[in-house]
Full PDB file with SEQRES, HELIX, SHEET, SSBOND, CRYST1, ORIGX, SCALE, CONECT and MASTER records, all heavy atoms in Angstrom:
SEQRES   1 A   31  VAL ILE TRP GLY ALA ASN ALA TYR VAL THR ASP GLU ASP          
SEQRES   2 A   31  ASP ARG ILE TYR GLN GLY ILE ARG ASP VAL SER LYS TRP          
SEQRES   3 A   31  SER GLU LYS ALA ARG                                          
HELIX    1 AA1 ASP A   11  GLN A   18  1                                   8    
HELIX    2 AA2 VAL A   23  LYS A   25  5                                   3    
CRYST1    1.000    1.000    1.000  90.00  90.00  90.00 P 1           1          
ORIGX1      1.000000  0.000000  0.000000        0.00000                         
ORIGX2      0.000000  1.000000  0.000000        0.00000                         
ORIGX3      0.000000  0.000000  1.000000        0.00000                         
SCALE1      1.000000  0.000000  0.000000        0.00000                         
SCALE2      0.000000  1.000000  0.000000        0.00000                         
SCALE3      0.000000  0.000000  1.000000        0.00000                         
ATOM      1  N   VAL A   1     -13.524 108.958   5.441  1.00  0.00           N  
ATOM      2  CA  VAL A   1     -14.403 109.083   4.278  1.00  0.00           C  
ATOM      3  C   VAL A   1     -15.676 109.763   4.754  1.00  0.00           C  
ATOM      4  O   VAL A   1     -16.282 109.342   5.751  1.00  0.00           O  
ATOM      5  CB  VAL A   1     -14.753 107.713   3.665  1.00  0.00           C  
ATOM      6  CG1 VAL A   1     -15.618 107.890   2.421  1.00  0.00           C  
ATOM      7  CG2 VAL A   1     -13.486 106.925   3.346  1.00  0.00           C  
ATOM      8  N   ILE A   2     -16.083 110.835   4.069  1.00  0.00           N  
ATOM      9  CA  ILE A   2     -17.325 111.522   4.433  1.00  0.00           C  
ATOM     10  C   ILE A   2     -18.163 111.758   3.182  1.00  0.00           C  
ATOM     11  O   ILE A   2     -17.637 111.875   2.075  1.00  0.00           O  
ATOM     12  CB  ILE A   2     -17.060 112.862   5.148  1.00  0.00           C  
ATOM     13  CG1 ILE A   2     -16.303 113.827   4.242  1.00  0.00           C  
ATOM     14  CG2 ILE A   2     -16.324 112.645   6.461  1.00  0.00           C  
ATOM     15  CD1 ILE A   2     -16.253 115.252   4.768  1.00  0.00           C  
ATOM     16  N   TRP A   3     -19.466 111.829   3.352  1.00  0.00           N  
ATOM     17  CA  TRP A   3     -20.385 112.155   2.256  1.00  0.00           C  
ATOM     18  C   TRP A   3     -21.670 112.735   2.860  1.00  0.00           C  
ATOM     19  O   TRP A   3     -22.069 112.397   3.963  1.00  0.00           O  
ATOM     20  CB  TRP A   3     -20.669 110.940   1.386  1.00  0.00           C  
ATOM     21  CG  TRP A   3     -21.377 109.788   2.043  1.00  0.00           C  
ATOM     22  CD1 TRP A   3     -22.679 109.413   1.873  1.00  0.00           C  
ATOM     23  CD2 TRP A   3     -20.813 108.839   2.988  1.00  0.00           C  
ATOM     24  NE1 TRP A   3     -22.963 108.308   2.639  1.00  0.00           N  
ATOM     25  CE2 TRP A   3     -21.838 107.935   3.320  1.00  0.00           C  
ATOM     26  CE3 TRP A   3     -19.544 108.677   3.569  1.00  0.00           C  
ATOM     27  CZ2 TRP A   3     -21.643 106.889   4.225  1.00  0.00           C  
ATOM     28  CZ3 TRP A   3     -19.349 107.637   4.466  1.00  0.00           C  
ATOM     29  CH2 TRP A   3     -20.384 106.747   4.791  1.00  0.00           C  
ATOM     30  N   GLY A   4     -22.261 113.678   2.112  1.00  0.00           N  
ATOM     31  CA  GLY A   4     -23.491 114.310   2.577  1.00  0.00           C  
ATOM     32  C   GLY A   4     -23.297 115.225   3.765  1.00  0.00           C  
ATOM     33  O   GLY A   4     -24.254 115.488   4.501  1.00  0.00           O  
ATOM     34  N   ALA A   5     -22.085 115.739   3.960  1.00  0.00           N  
ATOM     35  CA  ALA A   5     -21.790 116.584   5.119  1.00  0.00           C  
ATOM     36  C   ALA A   5     -21.682 118.044   4.711  1.00  0.00           C  
ATOM     37  O   ALA A   5     -21.435 118.367   3.550  1.00  0.00           O  
ATOM     38  CB  ALA A   5     -20.501 116.129   5.796  1.00  0.00           C  
ATOM     39  N   ASN A   6     -21.848 118.935   5.677  1.00  0.00           N  
ATOM     40  CA  ASN A   6     -21.665 120.362   5.459  1.00  0.00           C  
ATOM     41  C   ASN A   6     -20.985 120.978   6.661  1.00  0.00           C  
ATOM     42  O   ASN A   6     -21.216 120.563   7.803  1.00  0.00           O  
ATOM     43  CB  ASN A   6     -22.993 121.061   5.177  1.00  0.00           C  
ATOM     44  CG  ASN A   6     -24.062 120.765   6.210  1.00  0.00           C  
ATOM     45  OD1 ASN A   6     -24.419 119.599   6.427  1.00  0.00           O  
ATOM     46  ND2 ASN A   6     -24.583 121.789   6.843  1.00  0.00           N  
ATOM     47  N   ALA A   7     -20.124 121.979   6.411  1.00  0.00           N  
ATOM     48  CA  ALA A   7     -19.372 122.625   7.483  1.00  0.00           C  
ATOM     49  C   ALA A   7     -20.039 123.902   7.973  1.00  0.00           C  
ATOM     50  O   ALA A   7     -19.568 124.528   8.919  1.00  0.00           O  
ATOM     51  CB  ALA A   7     -17.950 122.935   7.015  1.00  0.00           C  
ATOM     52  N   TYR A   8     -21.138 124.288   7.327  1.00  0.00           N  
ATOM     53  CA  TYR A   8     -21.874 125.489   7.728  1.00  0.00           C  
ATOM     54  C   TYR A   8     -23.306 125.370   7.216  1.00  0.00           C  
ATOM     55  O   TYR A   8     -23.627 124.491   6.403  1.00  0.00           O  
ATOM     56  CB  TYR A   8     -21.194 126.751   7.193  1.00  0.00           C  
ATOM     57  CG  TYR A   8     -20.992 126.779   5.700  1.00  0.00           C  
ATOM     58  CD1 TYR A   8     -21.919 127.370   4.850  1.00  0.00           C  
ATOM     59  CD2 TYR A   8     -19.855 126.198   5.128  1.00  0.00           C  
ATOM     60  CE1 TYR A   8     -21.729 127.393   3.480  1.00  0.00           C  
ATOM     61  CE2 TYR A   8     -19.657 126.220   3.755  1.00  0.00           C  
ATOM     62  CZ  TYR A   8     -20.599 126.813   2.931  1.00  0.00           C  
ATOM     63  OH  TYR A   8     -20.399 126.835   1.575  1.00  0.00           O  
ATOM     64  N   VAL A   9     -24.172 126.250   7.695  1.00  0.00           N  
ATOM     65  CA  VAL A   9     -25.596 126.221   7.360  1.00  0.00           C  
ATOM     66  C   VAL A   9     -25.965 127.487   6.596  1.00  0.00           C  
ATOM     67  O   VAL A   9     -25.620 128.595   7.013  1.00  0.00           O  
ATOM     68  CB  VAL A   9     -26.460 126.093   8.635  1.00  0.00           C  
ATOM     69  CG1 VAL A   9     -27.945 126.203   8.300  1.00  0.00           C  
ATOM     70  CG2 VAL A   9     -26.177 124.774   9.342  1.00  0.00           C  
ATOM     71  N   THR A  10     -26.680 127.307   5.493  1.00  0.00           N  
ATOM     72  CA  THR A  10     -27.129 128.427   4.665  1.00  0.00           C  
ATOM     73  C   THR A  10     -28.642 128.589   4.764  1.00  0.00           C  
ATOM     74  O   THR A  10     -29.346 127.745   5.342  1.00  0.00           O  
ATOM     75  CB  THR A  10     -26.757 128.199   3.195  1.00  0.00           C  
ATOM     76  OG1 THR A  10     -27.542 127.094   2.691  1.00  0.00           O  
ATOM     77  CG2 THR A  10     -25.270 127.872   3.044  1.00  0.00           C  
ATOM     78  N   ASP A  11     -29.156 129.662   4.162  1.00  0.00           N  
ATOM     79  CA  ASP A  11     -30.604 129.856   4.107  1.00  0.00           C  
ATOM     80  C   ASP A  11     -31.283 128.706   3.362  1.00  0.00           C  
ATOM     81  O   ASP A  11     -32.374 128.255   3.742  1.00  0.00           O  
ATOM     82  CB  ASP A  11     -30.944 131.180   3.419  1.00  0.00           C  
ATOM     83  CG  ASP A  11     -30.581 132.390   4.273  1.00  0.00           C  
ATOM     84  OD1 ASP A  11     -30.466 132.236   5.504  1.00  0.00           O  
ATOM     85  OD2 ASP A  11     -30.409 133.481   3.702  1.00  0.00           O  
ATOM     86  N   GLU A  12     -30.633 128.223   2.311  1.00  0.00           N  
ATOM     87  CA  GLU A  12     -31.191 127.100   1.553  1.00  0.00           C  
ATOM     88  C   GLU A  12     -31.308 125.857   2.428  1.00  0.00           C  
ATOM     89  O   GLU A  12     -32.319 125.138   2.399  1.00  0.00           O  
ATOM     90  CB  GLU A  12     -30.325 126.812   0.331  1.00  0.00           C  
ATOM     91  CG  GLU A  12     -30.826 125.660  -0.525  1.00  0.00           C  
ATOM     92  CD  GLU A  12     -29.953 125.403  -1.744  1.00  0.00           C  
ATOM     93  OE1 GLU A  12     -29.011 126.204  -1.984  1.00  0.00           O  
ATOM     94  OE2 GLU A  12     -30.200 124.409  -2.442  1.00  0.00           O  
ATOM     95  N   ASP A  13     -30.268 125.581   3.216  1.00  0.00           N  
ATOM     96  CA  ASP A  13     -30.315 124.441   4.141  1.00  0.00           C  
ATOM     97  C   ASP A  13     -31.458 124.612   5.137  1.00  0.00           C  
ATOM     98  O   ASP A  13     -32.210 123.677   5.420  1.00  0.00           O  
ATOM     99  CB  ASP A  13     -28.991 124.324   4.907  1.00  0.00           C  
ATOM    100  CG  ASP A  13     -27.801 124.085   4.002  1.00  0.00           C  
ATOM    101  OD1 ASP A  13     -27.928 123.306   3.048  1.00  0.00           O  
ATOM    102  OD2 ASP A  13     -26.742 124.683   4.270  1.00  0.00           O  
ATOM    103  N   ASP A  14     -31.592 125.810   5.666  1.00  0.00           N  
ATOM    104  CA  ASP A  14     -32.610 126.088   6.670  1.00  0.00           C  
ATOM    105  C   ASP A  14     -34.008 125.803   6.134  1.00  0.00           C  
ATOM    106  O   ASP A  14     -34.860 125.239   6.835  1.00  0.00           O  
ATOM    107  CB  ASP A  14     -32.494 127.543   7.129  1.00  0.00           C  
ATOM    108  CG  ASP A  14     -33.443 127.869   8.277  1.00  0.00           C  
ATOM    109  OD1 ASP A  14     -33.731 126.975   9.090  1.00  0.00           O  
ATOM    110  OD2 ASP A  14     -33.892 129.027   8.347  1.00  0.00           O  
ATOM    111  N   ARG A  15     -34.276 126.174   4.884  1.00  0.00           N  
ATOM    112  CA  ARG A  15     -35.597 125.918   4.308  1.00  0.00           C  
ATOM    113  C   ARG A  15     -35.894 124.415   4.251  1.00  0.00           C  
ATOM    114  O   ARG A  15     -37.027 123.992   4.500  1.00  0.00           O  
ATOM    115  CB  ARG A  15     -35.679 126.526   2.907  1.00  0.00           C  
ATOM    116  CG  ARG A  15     -35.764 128.052   2.902  1.00  0.00           C  
ATOM    117  CD  ARG A  15     -36.146 128.576   1.522  1.00  0.00           C  
ATOM    118  NE  ARG A  15     -35.112 128.307   0.524  1.00  0.00           N  
ATOM    119  CZ  ARG A  15     -34.095 129.121   0.277  1.00  0.00           C  
ATOM    120  NH1 ARG A  15     -33.950 130.247   0.961  1.00  0.00           N  
ATOM    121  NH2 ARG A  15     -33.212 128.815  -0.669  1.00  0.00           N  
ATOM    122  N   ILE A  16     -34.877 123.621   3.935  1.00  0.00           N  
ATOM    123  CA  ILE A  16     -35.066 122.168   3.898  1.00  0.00           C  
ATOM    124  C   ILE A  16     -35.368 121.640   5.292  1.00  0.00           C  
ATOM    125  O   ILE A  16     -36.281 120.829   5.495  1.00  0.00           O  
ATOM    126  CB  ILE A  16     -33.821 121.479   3.312  1.00  0.00           C  
ATOM    127  CG1 ILE A  16     -33.644 121.861   1.842  1.00  0.00           C  
ATOM    128  CG2 ILE A  16     -33.938 119.955   3.448  1.00  0.00           C  
ATOM    129  CD1 ILE A  16     -32.339 121.380   1.236  1.00  0.00           C  
ATOM    130  N   TYR A  17     -34.615 122.120   6.284  1.00  0.00           N  
ATOM    131  CA  TYR A  17     -34.825 121.651   7.654  1.00  0.00           C  
ATOM    132  C   TYR A  17     -36.237 121.969   8.142  1.00  0.00           C  
ATOM    133  O   TYR A  17     -36.899 121.122   8.777  1.00  0.00           O  
ATOM    134  CB  TYR A  17     -33.805 122.297   8.596  1.00  0.00           C  
ATOM    135  CG  TYR A  17     -32.363 122.086   8.220  1.00  0.00           C  
ATOM    136  CD1 TYR A  17     -31.394 123.048   8.551  1.00  0.00           C  
ATOM    137  CD2 TYR A  17     -31.938 120.956   7.535  1.00  0.00           C  
ATOM    138  CE1 TYR A  17     -30.061 122.880   8.222  1.00  0.00           C  
ATOM    139  CE2 TYR A  17     -30.608 120.778   7.187  1.00  0.00           C  
ATOM    140  CZ  TYR A  17     -29.678 121.747   7.527  1.00  0.00           C  
ATOM    141  OH  TYR A  17     -28.365 121.585   7.190  1.00  0.00           O  
ATOM    142  N   GLN A  18     -36.711 123.164   7.856  1.00  0.00           N  
ATOM    143  CA  GLN A  18     -38.049 123.545   8.316  1.00  0.00           C  
ATOM    144  C   GLN A  18     -39.131 122.688   7.674  1.00  0.00           C  
ATOM    145  O   GLN A  18     -40.194 122.466   8.265  1.00  0.00           O  
ATOM    146  CB  GLN A  18     -38.306 125.019   8.028  1.00  0.00           C  
ATOM    147  CG  GLN A  18     -37.376 125.987   8.741  1.00  0.00           C  
ATOM    148  CD  GLN A  18     -37.391 125.838  10.255  1.00  0.00           C  
ATOM    149  OE1 GLN A  18     -38.418 125.485  10.845  1.00  0.00           O  
ATOM    150  NE2 GLN A  18     -36.255 126.118  10.889  1.00  0.00           N  
ATOM    151  N   GLY A  19     -38.857 122.176   6.473  1.00  0.00           N  
ATOM    152  CA  GLY A  19     -39.840 121.365   5.775  1.00  0.00           C  
ATOM    153  C   GLY A  19     -40.105 120.014   6.391  1.00  0.00           C  
ATOM    154  O   GLY A  19     -41.092 119.359   6.032  1.00  0.00           O  
ATOM    155  N   ILE A  20     -39.251 119.566   7.310  1.00  0.00           N  
ATOM    156  CA  ILE A  20     -39.459 118.243   7.916  1.00  0.00           C  
ATOM    157  C   ILE A  20     -39.745 118.323   9.414  1.00  0.00           C  
ATOM    158  O   ILE A  20     -39.764 117.309  10.098  1.00  0.00           O  
ATOM    159  CB  ILE A  20     -38.239 117.335   7.687  1.00  0.00           C  
ATOM    160  CG1 ILE A  20     -36.995 117.914   8.351  1.00  0.00           C  
ATOM    161  CG2 ILE A  20     -38.018 117.083   6.215  1.00  0.00           C  
ATOM    162  CD1 ILE A  20     -35.884 116.918   8.532  1.00  0.00           C  
ATOM    163  N   ARG A  21     -39.967 119.511   9.924  1.00  0.00           N  
ATOM    164  CA  ARG A  21     -40.168 119.677  11.368  1.00  0.00           C  
ATOM    165  C   ARG A  21     -41.331 118.846  11.900  1.00  0.00           C  
ATOM    166  O   ARG A  21     -41.240 118.235  12.966  1.00  0.00           O  
ATOM    167  CB  ARG A  21     -40.397 121.159  11.679  1.00  0.00           C  
ATOM    168  CG  ARG A  21     -40.670 121.443  13.146  1.00  0.00           C  
ATOM    169  CD  ARG A  21     -41.051 122.892  13.350  1.00  0.00           C  
ATOM    170  NE  ARG A  21     -39.909 123.768  13.154  1.00  0.00           N  
ATOM    171  CZ  ARG A  21     -39.042 124.095  14.114  1.00  0.00           C  
ATOM    172  NH1 ARG A  21     -39.191 123.583  15.341  1.00  0.00           N  
ATOM    173  NH2 ARG A  21     -38.048 124.907  13.863  1.00  0.00           N  
ATOM    174  N   ASP A  22     -42.437 118.819  11.168  1.00  0.00           N  
ATOM    175  CA  ASP A  22     -43.656 118.153  11.625  1.00  0.00           C  
ATOM    176  C   ASP A  22     -43.712 116.743  11.049  1.00  0.00           C  
ATOM    177  O   ASP A  22     -44.014 116.546   9.863  1.00  0.00           O  
ATOM    178  CB  ASP A  22     -44.870 118.965  11.182  1.00  0.00           C  
ATOM    179  CG  ASP A  22     -46.184 118.398  11.705  1.00  0.00           C  
ATOM    180  OD1 ASP A  22     -46.173 117.313  12.338  1.00  0.00           O  
ATOM    181  OD2 ASP A  22     -47.226 119.044  11.472  1.00  0.00           O  
ATOM    182  N   VAL A  23     -43.439 115.730  11.881  1.00  0.00           N  
ATOM    183  CA  VAL A  23     -43.393 114.354  11.377  1.00  0.00           C  
ATOM    184  C   VAL A  23     -44.761 113.838  10.976  1.00  0.00           C  
ATOM    185  O   VAL A  23     -44.855 112.859  10.224  1.00  0.00           O  
ATOM    186  CB  VAL A  23     -42.745 113.404  12.406  1.00  0.00           C  
ATOM    187  CG1 VAL A  23     -41.324 113.833  12.722  1.00  0.00           C  
ATOM    188  CG2 VAL A  23     -43.580 113.287  13.666  1.00  0.00           C  
ATOM    189  N   SER A  24     -45.842 114.468  11.440  1.00  0.00           N  
ATOM    190  CA  SER A  24     -47.177 114.033  11.047  1.00  0.00           C  
ATOM    191  C   SER A  24     -47.417 114.265   9.562  1.00  0.00           C  
ATOM    192  O   SER A  24     -48.327 113.667   8.974  1.00  0.00           O  
ATOM    193  CB  SER A  24     -48.248 114.768  11.861  1.00  0.00           C  
ATOM    194  OG  SER A  24     -48.325 116.136  11.496  1.00  0.00           O  
ATOM    195  N   LYS A  25     -46.603 115.117   8.941  1.00  0.00           N  
ATOM    196  CA  LYS A  25     -46.721 115.397   7.510  1.00  0.00           C  
ATOM    197  C   LYS A  25     -45.846 114.476   6.661  1.00  0.00           C  
ATOM    198  O   LYS A  25     -45.897 114.551   5.437  1.00  0.00           O  
ATOM    199  CB  LYS A  25     -46.384 116.861   7.232  1.00  0.00           C  
ATOM    200  CG  LYS A  25     -47.348 117.829   7.890  1.00  0.00           C  
ATOM    201  CD  LYS A  25     -46.969 119.280   7.611  1.00  0.00           C  
ATOM    202  CE  LYS A  25     -47.946 120.229   8.285  1.00  0.00           C  
ATOM    203  NZ  LYS A  25     -47.586 121.660   8.052  1.00  0.00           N  
ATOM    204  N   TRP A  26     -45.042 113.639   7.313  1.00  0.00           N  
ATOM    205  CA  TRP A  26     -44.243 112.675   6.561  1.00  0.00           C  
ATOM    206  C   TRP A  26     -45.162 111.591   6.008  1.00  0.00           C  
ATOM    207  O   TRP A  26     -46.240 111.314   6.544  1.00  0.00           O  
ATOM    208  CB  TRP A  26     -43.210 112.006   7.452  1.00  0.00           C  
ATOM    209  CG  TRP A  26     -42.158 112.895   8.022  1.00  0.00           C  
ATOM    210  CD1 TRP A  26     -42.020 114.248   7.868  1.00  0.00           C  
ATOM    211  CD2 TRP A  26     -41.092 112.488   8.881  1.00  0.00           C  
ATOM    212  NE1 TRP A  26     -40.944 114.706   8.562  1.00  0.00           N  
ATOM    213  CE2 TRP A  26     -40.349 113.651   9.194  1.00  0.00           C  
ATOM    214  CE3 TRP A  26     -40.701 111.262   9.402  1.00  0.00           C  
ATOM    215  CZ2 TRP A  26     -39.224 113.613  10.014  1.00  0.00           C  
ATOM    216  CZ3 TRP A  26     -39.583 111.214  10.216  1.00  0.00           C  
ATOM    217  CH2 TRP A  26     -38.849 112.373  10.517  1.00  0.00           C  
ATOM    218  N   SER A  27     -44.718 110.930   4.969  1.00  0.00           N  
ATOM    219  CA  SER A  27     -45.444 109.752   4.499  1.00  0.00           C  
ATOM    220  C   SER A  27     -45.360 108.651   5.551  1.00  0.00           C  
ATOM    221  O   SER A  27     -44.398 108.588   6.329  1.00  0.00           O  
ATOM    222  CB  SER A  27     -44.845 109.254   3.185  1.00  0.00           C  
ATOM    223  OG  SER A  27     -43.560 108.697   3.401  1.00  0.00           O  
ATOM    224  N   GLU A  28     -46.361 107.797   5.564  1.00  0.00           N  
ATOM    225  CA  GLU A  28     -46.342 106.688   6.527  1.00  0.00           C  
ATOM    226  C   GLU A  28     -45.145 105.778   6.287  1.00  0.00           C  
ATOM    227  O   GLU A  28     -44.549 105.256   7.237  1.00  0.00           O  
ATOM    228  CB  GLU A  28     -47.630 105.883   6.444  1.00  0.00           C  
ATOM    229  CG  GLU A  28     -47.694 104.764   7.477  1.00  0.00           C  
ATOM    230  CD  GLU A  28     -49.011 104.017   7.455  1.00  0.00           C  
ATOM    231  OE1 GLU A  28     -49.888 104.392   6.648  1.00  0.00           O  
ATOM    232  OE2 GLU A  28     -49.164 103.062   8.238  1.00  0.00           O  
ATOM    233  N   LYS A  29     -44.772 105.606   5.009  1.00  0.00           N  
ATOM    234  CA  LYS A  29     -43.634 104.751   4.686  1.00  0.00           C  
ATOM    235  C   LYS A  29     -42.359 105.279   5.301  1.00  0.00           C  
ATOM    236  O   LYS A  29     -41.496 104.512   5.762  1.00  0.00           O  
ATOM    237  CB  LYS A  29     -43.487 104.655   3.165  1.00  0.00           C  
ATOM    238  CG  LYS A  29     -42.404 103.691   2.712  1.00  0.00           C  
ATOM    239  CD  LYS A  29     -42.377 103.575   1.194  1.00  0.00           C  
ATOM    240  CE  LYS A  29     -41.338 102.568   0.736  1.00  0.00           C  
ATOM    241  NZ  LYS A  29     -41.314 102.444  -0.752  1.00  0.00           N  
ATOM    242  N   ALA A  30     -42.206 106.600   5.336  1.00  0.00           N  
ATOM    243  CA  ALA A  30     -41.007 107.202   5.931  1.00  0.00           C  
ATOM    244  C   ALA A  30     -41.077 107.205   7.445  1.00  0.00           C  
ATOM    245  O   ALA A  30     -40.075 107.000   8.128  1.00  0.00           O  
ATOM    246  CB  ALA A  30     -40.830 108.623   5.413  1.00  0.00           C  
ATOM    247  N   ARG A  31     -42.280 107.433   7.977  1.00  0.00           N  
ATOM    248  CA  ARG A  31     -42.414 107.627   9.413  1.00  0.00           C  
ATOM    249  C   ARG A  31     -42.494 106.326  10.211  1.00  0.00           C  
ATOM    250  O   ARG A  31     -41.945 106.226  11.318  1.00  0.00           O  
ATOM    251  CB  ARG A  31     -43.671 108.471   9.693  1.00  0.00           C  
ATOM    252  CG  ARG A  31     -43.848 108.851  11.160  1.00  0.00           C  
ATOM    253  CD  ARG A  31     -45.114 109.682  11.378  1.00  0.00           C  
ATOM    254  NE  ARG A  31     -46.316 108.916  11.062  1.00  0.00           N  
ATOM    255  CZ  ARG A  31     -47.127 109.185  10.048  1.00  0.00           C  
ATOM    256  NH1 ARG A  31     -46.851 110.184   9.227  1.00  0.00           N  
ATOM    257  NH2 ARG A  31     -48.200 108.446   9.832  1.00  0.00           N  
TER     258      ARG A  31                                                      
MASTER        0    0    0    2    0    0    0    6  257    1    0    3          
END                                                                             
């Protein structure tokens, strides 16, 4: 059983990944 998985990376995926690179910008609740 799998969920939330991907077999390849797109430009859209890349933009999401770059948005979380800096953990200092995360909310304290998340971090």
